Amino acid sequence: MDAQSFKSRLMSGETLNLLDVREEIEFHTYNIGGKNIPLSKLIEKPGLIPYNKTDEIIVICKAGIRSETAQSFLIQNGYQNIKNLTGGLLALQKLQA
């Protein structure tokens, strides 16, 4: 999912299932909400995910690389509607500049 589409959905007030796979310190420094489960913890304990396997989940990170890895991992584990924020939060911040 590109940053512009994501921003439009976010700004419309739509409730989105966000999964932020950055480290906790990154999340606490800057975040747009959602559940924070660092990628390493997600891979160790996929049971931490608070969403159903059929829910749309948008995976986010700083630049879109960790979230892409998480997206692949989740799909391999039976999650059916996983989106990656392409370019990550950096792409979103560029739109707001």
N, C-alpha and C. Protein backbone atom coordinates (compact mmCIF):
# COMPACT_ATOMS: atom_id res chain seq x y z
N MET A 1 0.86 -1.17 0.00
CA MET A 1 0.00 0.00 0.00
C MET A 1 0.90 1.23 0.00
N ASP A 2 0.64 2.14 -0.91
CA ASP A 2 1.49 3.33 -0.97
C ASP A 2 1.07 4.34 0.10
N ALA A 3 1.97 5.26 0.39
CA ALA A 3 1.77 6.22 1.48
C ALA A 3 0.55 7.10 1.25
N GLN A 4 0.29 7.50 0.01
CA GLN A 4 -0.85 8.37 -0.26
C GLN A 4 -2.17 7.67 0.04
N SER A 5 -2.31 6.41 -0.39
CA SER A 5 -3.53 5.64 -0.11
C SER A 5 -3.70 5.45 1.39
N PHE A 6 -2.60 5.14 2.06
CA PHE A 6 -2.63 4.95 3.51
C PHE A 6 -3.08 6.23 4.20
N LYS A 7 -2.49 7.36 3.81
CA LYS A 7 -2.82 8.64 4.43
C LYS A 7 -4.30 8.97 4.22
N SER A 8 -4.81 8.72 3.02
CA SER A 8 -6.22 8.99 2.73
C SER A 8 -7.13 8.18 3.65
N ARG A 9 -6.81 6.92 3.82
CA ARG A 9 -7.62 6.07 4.70
C ARG A 9 -7.52 6.52 6.15
N LEU A 10 -6.33 6.89 6.57
CA LEU A 10 -6.11 7.35 7.94
C LEU A 10 -6.88 8.65 8.19
N MET A 11 -6.80 9.58 7.25
CA MET A 11 -7.43 10.89 7.41
C MET A 11 -8.96 10.80 7.34
N SER A 12 -9.48 9.77 6.70
CA SER A 12 -10.94 9.62 6.60
C SER A 12 -11.56 9.15 7.91
N GLY A 13 -10.69 8.80 8.87
CA GLY A 13 -11.19 8.34 10.16
C GLY A 13 -11.46 6.85 10.22
N GLU A 14 -11.10 6.16 9.13
CA GLU A 14 -11.29 4.71 9.09
C GLU A 14 -10.45 4.05 10.19
N THR A 15 -11.01 3.05 10.84
CA THR A 15 -10.27 2.30 11.85
C THR A 15 -9.39 1.29 11.13
N LEU A 16 -8.08 1.42 11.30
CA LEU A 16 -7.14 0.54 10.63
C LEU A 16 -6.42 -0.34 11.66
N ASN A 17 -6.20 -1.58 11.30
CA ASN A 17 -5.42 -2.49 12.16
C ASN A 17 -3.95 -2.32 11.79
N LEU A 18 -3.25 -1.54 12.61
CA LEU A 18 -1.84 -1.26 12.35
C LEU A 18 -0.95 -2.14 13.22
N LEU A 19 0.06 -2.70 12.60
CA LEU A 19 1.06 -3.49 13.31
C LEU A 19 2.42 -2.86 13.02
N ASP A 20 2.98 -2.19 14.02
CA ASP A 20 4.26 -1.49 13.90
C ASP A 20 5.36 -2.44 14.36
N VAL A 21 6.26 -2.82 13.45
CA VAL A 21 7.28 -3.83 13.78
C VAL A 21 8.64 -3.21 14.09
N ARG A 22 8.66 -1.90 14.38
CA ARG A 22 9.91 -1.27 14.80
C ARG A 22 10.20 -1.63 16.26
N GLU A 23 11.42 -1.35 16.68
CA GLU A 23 11.80 -1.58 18.07
C GLU A 23 11.00 -0.62 18.97
N GLU A 24 10.84 -1.01 20.23
CA GLU A 24 10.02 -0.22 21.15
C GLU A 24 10.49 1.23 21.28
N ILE A 25 11.79 1.47 21.32
CA ILE A 25 12.30 2.83 21.46
C ILE A 25 11.91 3.68 20.25
N GLU A 26 11.93 3.09 19.05
CA GLU A 26 11.52 3.81 17.85
C GLU A 26 10.03 4.16 17.93
N PHE A 27 9.24 3.19 18.38
CA PHE A 27 7.80 3.38 18.49
C PHE A 27 7.48 4.50 19.47
N HIS A 28 8.17 4.52 20.61
CA HIS A 28 7.90 5.54 21.63
C HIS A 28 8.40 6.91 21.22
N THR A 29 9.39 6.96 20.33
CA THR A 29 9.90 8.23 19.84
C THR A 29 8.92 8.88 18.87
N TYR A 30 8.33 8.06 18.00
CA TYR A 30 7.35 8.56 17.02
C TYR A 30 6.47 7.40 16.57
N ASN A 31 5.16 7.58 16.64
CA ASN A 31 4.27 6.55 16.13
C ASN A 31 2.94 7.16 15.70
N ILE A 32 2.21 6.40 14.92
CA ILE A 32 0.89 6.84 14.46
C ILE A 32 -0.20 5.93 15.02
N GLY A 33 0.14 5.21 16.07
CA GLY A 33 -0.82 4.31 16.70
C GLY A 33 -0.58 2.87 16.30
N GLY A 34 -1.54 2.04 16.63
CA GLY A 34 -1.42 0.62 16.31
C GLY A 34 -0.73 -0.16 17.40
N LYS A 35 -0.55 -1.42 17.14
CA LYS A 35 0.11 -2.34 18.09
C LYS A 35 1.58 -2.42 17.73
N ASN A 36 2.45 -2.26 18.71
CA ASN A 36 3.90 -2.35 18.49
C ASN A 36 4.40 -3.72 18.92
N ILE A 37 4.83 -4.51 17.93
CA ILE A 37 5.49 -5.78 18.20
C ILE A 37 6.74 -5.80 17.33
N PRO A 38 7.93 -5.59 17.93
CA PRO A 38 9.15 -5.60 17.13
C PRO A 38 9.27 -6.89 16.30
N LEU A 39 9.85 -6.78 15.12
CA LEU A 39 9.94 -7.90 14.18
C LEU A 39 10.50 -9.16 14.82
N SER A 40 11.58 -9.03 15.60
CA SER A 40 12.19 -10.21 16.22
C SER A 40 11.22 -10.89 17.18
N LYS A 41 10.46 -10.10 17.94
CA LYS A 41 9.48 -10.64 18.88
C LYS A 41 8.31 -11.27 18.14
N LEU A 42 7.92 -10.66 17.03
CA LEU A 42 6.82 -11.18 16.21
C LEU A 42 7.16 -12.58 15.69
N ILE A 43 8.38 -12.75 15.22
CA ILE A 43 8.81 -14.04 14.67
C ILE A 43 8.92 -15.08 15.77
N GLU A 44 9.39 -14.67 16.96
CA GLU A 44 9.50 -15.59 18.10
C GLU A 44 8.13 -16.01 18.62
N LYS A 45 7.20 -15.04 18.70
CA LYS A 45 5.90 -15.28 19.34
C LYS A 45 4.76 -14.71 18.50
N PRO A 46 4.42 -15.37 17.38
CA PRO A 46 3.35 -14.83 16.55
C PRO A 46 1.99 -14.77 17.26
N GLY A 47 1.85 -15.47 18.36
CA GLY A 47 0.62 -15.44 19.14
C GLY A 47 0.33 -14.09 19.78
N LEU A 48 1.30 -13.18 19.78
CA LEU A 48 1.11 -11.85 20.36
C LEU A 48 0.22 -10.96 19.50
N ILE A 49 0.01 -11.34 18.25
CA ILE A 49 -0.75 -10.51 17.31
C ILE A 49 -2.21 -10.44 17.77
N PRO A 50 -2.72 -9.23 17.99
CA PRO A 50 -4.08 -9.10 18.53
C PRO A 50 -5.19 -9.15 17.48
N TYR A 51 -4.83 -9.43 16.24
CA TYR A 51 -5.81 -9.42 15.16
C TYR A 51 -6.10 -10.84 14.68
N ASN A 52 -7.26 -11.01 14.04
CA ASN A 52 -7.64 -12.30 13.48
C ASN A 52 -6.93 -12.53 12.15
N LYS A 53 -6.83 -13.80 11.77
CA LYS A 53 -6.13 -14.14 10.53
C LYS A 53 -6.85 -13.65 9.28
N THR A 54 -8.12 -13.26 9.41
CA THR A 54 -8.87 -12.76 8.26
C THR A 54 -8.96 -11.23 8.23
N ASP A 55 -8.52 -10.56 9.31
CA ASP A 55 -8.56 -9.09 9.36
C ASP A 55 -7.55 -8.49 8.38
N GLU A 56 -7.88 -7.32 7.87
CA GLU A 56 -6.87 -6.57 7.13
C GLU A 56 -5.90 -6.01 8.17
N ILE A 57 -4.62 -6.25 7.96
CA ILE A 57 -3.58 -5.74 8.86
C ILE A 57 -2.59 -4.97 8.00
N ILE A 58 -2.30 -3.74 8.39
CA ILE A 58 -1.30 -2.95 7.69
C ILE A 58 -0.05 -2.93 8.54
N VAL A 59 1.03 -3.48 8.00
CA VAL A 59 2.29 -3.58 8.73
C VAL A 59 3.14 -2.37 8.38
N ILE A 60 3.69 -1.72 9.41
CA ILE A 60 4.48 -0.51 9.20
C ILE A 60 5.81 -0.59 9.94
N CYS A 61 6.79 0.14 9.40
CA CYS A 61 8.09 0.32 10.06
C CYS A 61 8.66 1.64 9.55
N LYS A 62 9.92 1.87 9.75
CA LYS A 62 10.51 3.15 9.36
C LYS A 62 10.59 3.34 7.85
N ALA A 63 11.11 2.32 7.14
CA ALA A 63 11.34 2.47 5.70
C ALA A 63 10.63 1.42 4.84
N GLY A 64 9.91 0.50 5.46
CA GLY A 64 9.17 -0.49 4.70
C GLY A 64 9.87 -1.82 4.51
N ILE A 65 11.09 -1.96 5.02
CA ILE A 65 11.84 -3.20 4.83
C ILE A 65 11.47 -4.24 5.89
N ARG A 66 11.50 -3.85 7.15
CA ARG A 66 11.09 -4.79 8.22
C ARG A 66 9.63 -5.17 8.07
N SER A 67 8.80 -4.22 7.68
CA SER A 67 7.38 -4.52 7.52
C SER A 67 7.14 -5.48 6.36
N GLU A 68 7.97 -5.39 5.33
CA GLU A 68 7.85 -6.32 4.21
C GLU A 68 8.21 -7.74 4.67
N THR A 69 9.24 -7.86 5.49
CA THR A 69 9.61 -9.16 6.06
C THR A 69 8.48 -9.69 6.94
N ALA A 70 7.91 -8.82 7.76
CA ALA A 70 6.79 -9.22 8.63
C ALA A 70 5.59 -9.65 7.80
N GLN A 71 5.32 -8.93 6.71
CA GLN A 71 4.22 -9.28 5.83
C GLN A 71 4.39 -10.71 5.30
N SER A 72 5.57 -11.03 4.80
CA SER A 72 5.84 -12.39 4.30
C SER A 72 5.66 -13.43 5.40
N PHE A 73 6.18 -13.13 6.58
CA PHE A 73 6.07 -14.05 7.72
C PHE A 73 4.60 -14.30 8.08
N LEU A 74 3.82 -13.25 8.13
CA LEU A 74 2.40 -13.38 8.50
C LEU A 74 1.64 -14.19 7.45
N ILE A 75 1.91 -13.95 6.20
CA ILE A 75 1.25 -14.70 5.12
C ILE A 75 1.60 -16.18 5.24
N GLN A 76 2.87 -16.47 5.51
CA GLN A 76 3.30 -17.87 5.69
C GLN A 76 2.62 -18.52 6.88
N ASN A 77 2.17 -17.70 7.84
CA ASN A 77 1.52 -18.22 9.04
C ASN A 77 0.00 -18.13 8.98
N GLY A 78 -0.54 -18.00 7.79
CA GLY A 78 -1.98 -18.10 7.60
C GLY A 78 -2.78 -16.81 7.63
N TYR A 79 -2.12 -15.68 7.78
CA TYR A 79 -2.84 -14.41 7.73
C TYR A 79 -3.14 -14.10 6.27
N GLN A 80 -4.38 -13.67 6.00
CA GLN A 80 -4.85 -13.62 4.62
C GLN A 80 -4.91 -12.23 3.99
N ASN A 81 -4.89 -11.18 4.78
CA ASN A 81 -5.10 -9.84 4.23
C ASN A 81 -4.09 -8.86 4.81
N ILE A 82 -2.82 -9.09 4.47
CA ILE A 82 -1.72 -8.30 5.03
C ILE A 82 -1.23 -7.29 4.00
N LYS A 83 -1.16 -6.03 4.42
CA LYS A 83 -0.65 -4.97 3.56
C LYS A 83 0.62 -4.40 4.19
N ASN A 84 1.55 -4.00 3.34
CA ASN A 84 2.79 -3.37 3.80
C ASN A 84 2.74 -1.90 3.39
N LEU A 85 3.06 -1.00 4.32
CA LEU A 85 3.16 0.41 3.97
C LEU A 85 4.48 0.62 3.24
N THR A 86 4.40 0.71 1.93
CA THR A 86 5.59 0.86 1.08
C THR A 86 6.31 2.17 1.42
N GLY A 87 7.59 2.07 1.69
CA GLY A 87 8.37 3.25 2.06
C GLY A 87 8.28 3.60 3.53
N GLY A 88 7.39 2.93 4.25
CA GLY A 88 7.27 3.09 5.69
C GLY A 88 6.86 4.49 6.14
N LEU A 89 7.15 4.76 7.39
CA LEU A 89 6.79 6.05 7.98
C LEU A 89 7.54 7.20 7.33
N LEU A 90 8.72 6.91 6.77
CA LEU A 90 9.47 7.97 6.07
C LEU A 90 8.67 8.48 4.88
N ALA A 91 8.05 7.58 4.12
CA ALA A 91 7.24 7.97 2.97
C ALA A 91 6.04 8.79 3.42
N LEU A 92 5.45 8.39 4.53
CA LEU A 92 4.29 9.12 5.07
C LEU A 92 4.71 10.52 5.52
N GLN A 93 5.84 10.63 6.17
CA GLN A 93 6.33 11.93 6.65
C GLN A 93 6.65 12.85 5.48
N LYS A 94 7.14 12.30 4.37
CA LYS A 94 7.44 13.13 3.20
C LYS A 94 6.17 13.77 2.63
N LEU A 95 5.05 13.06 2.72
CA LEU A 95 3.77 13.61 2.25
C LEU A 95 3.32 14.79 3.11
N GLN A 96 3.68 14.75 4.37
CA GLN A 96 3.24 15.78 5.31
C GLN A 96 4.17 16.99 5.32
N ALA A 97 5.31 16.86 4.66
CA ALA A 97 6.30 17.95 4.67
C ALA A 97 5.85 19.11 3.79
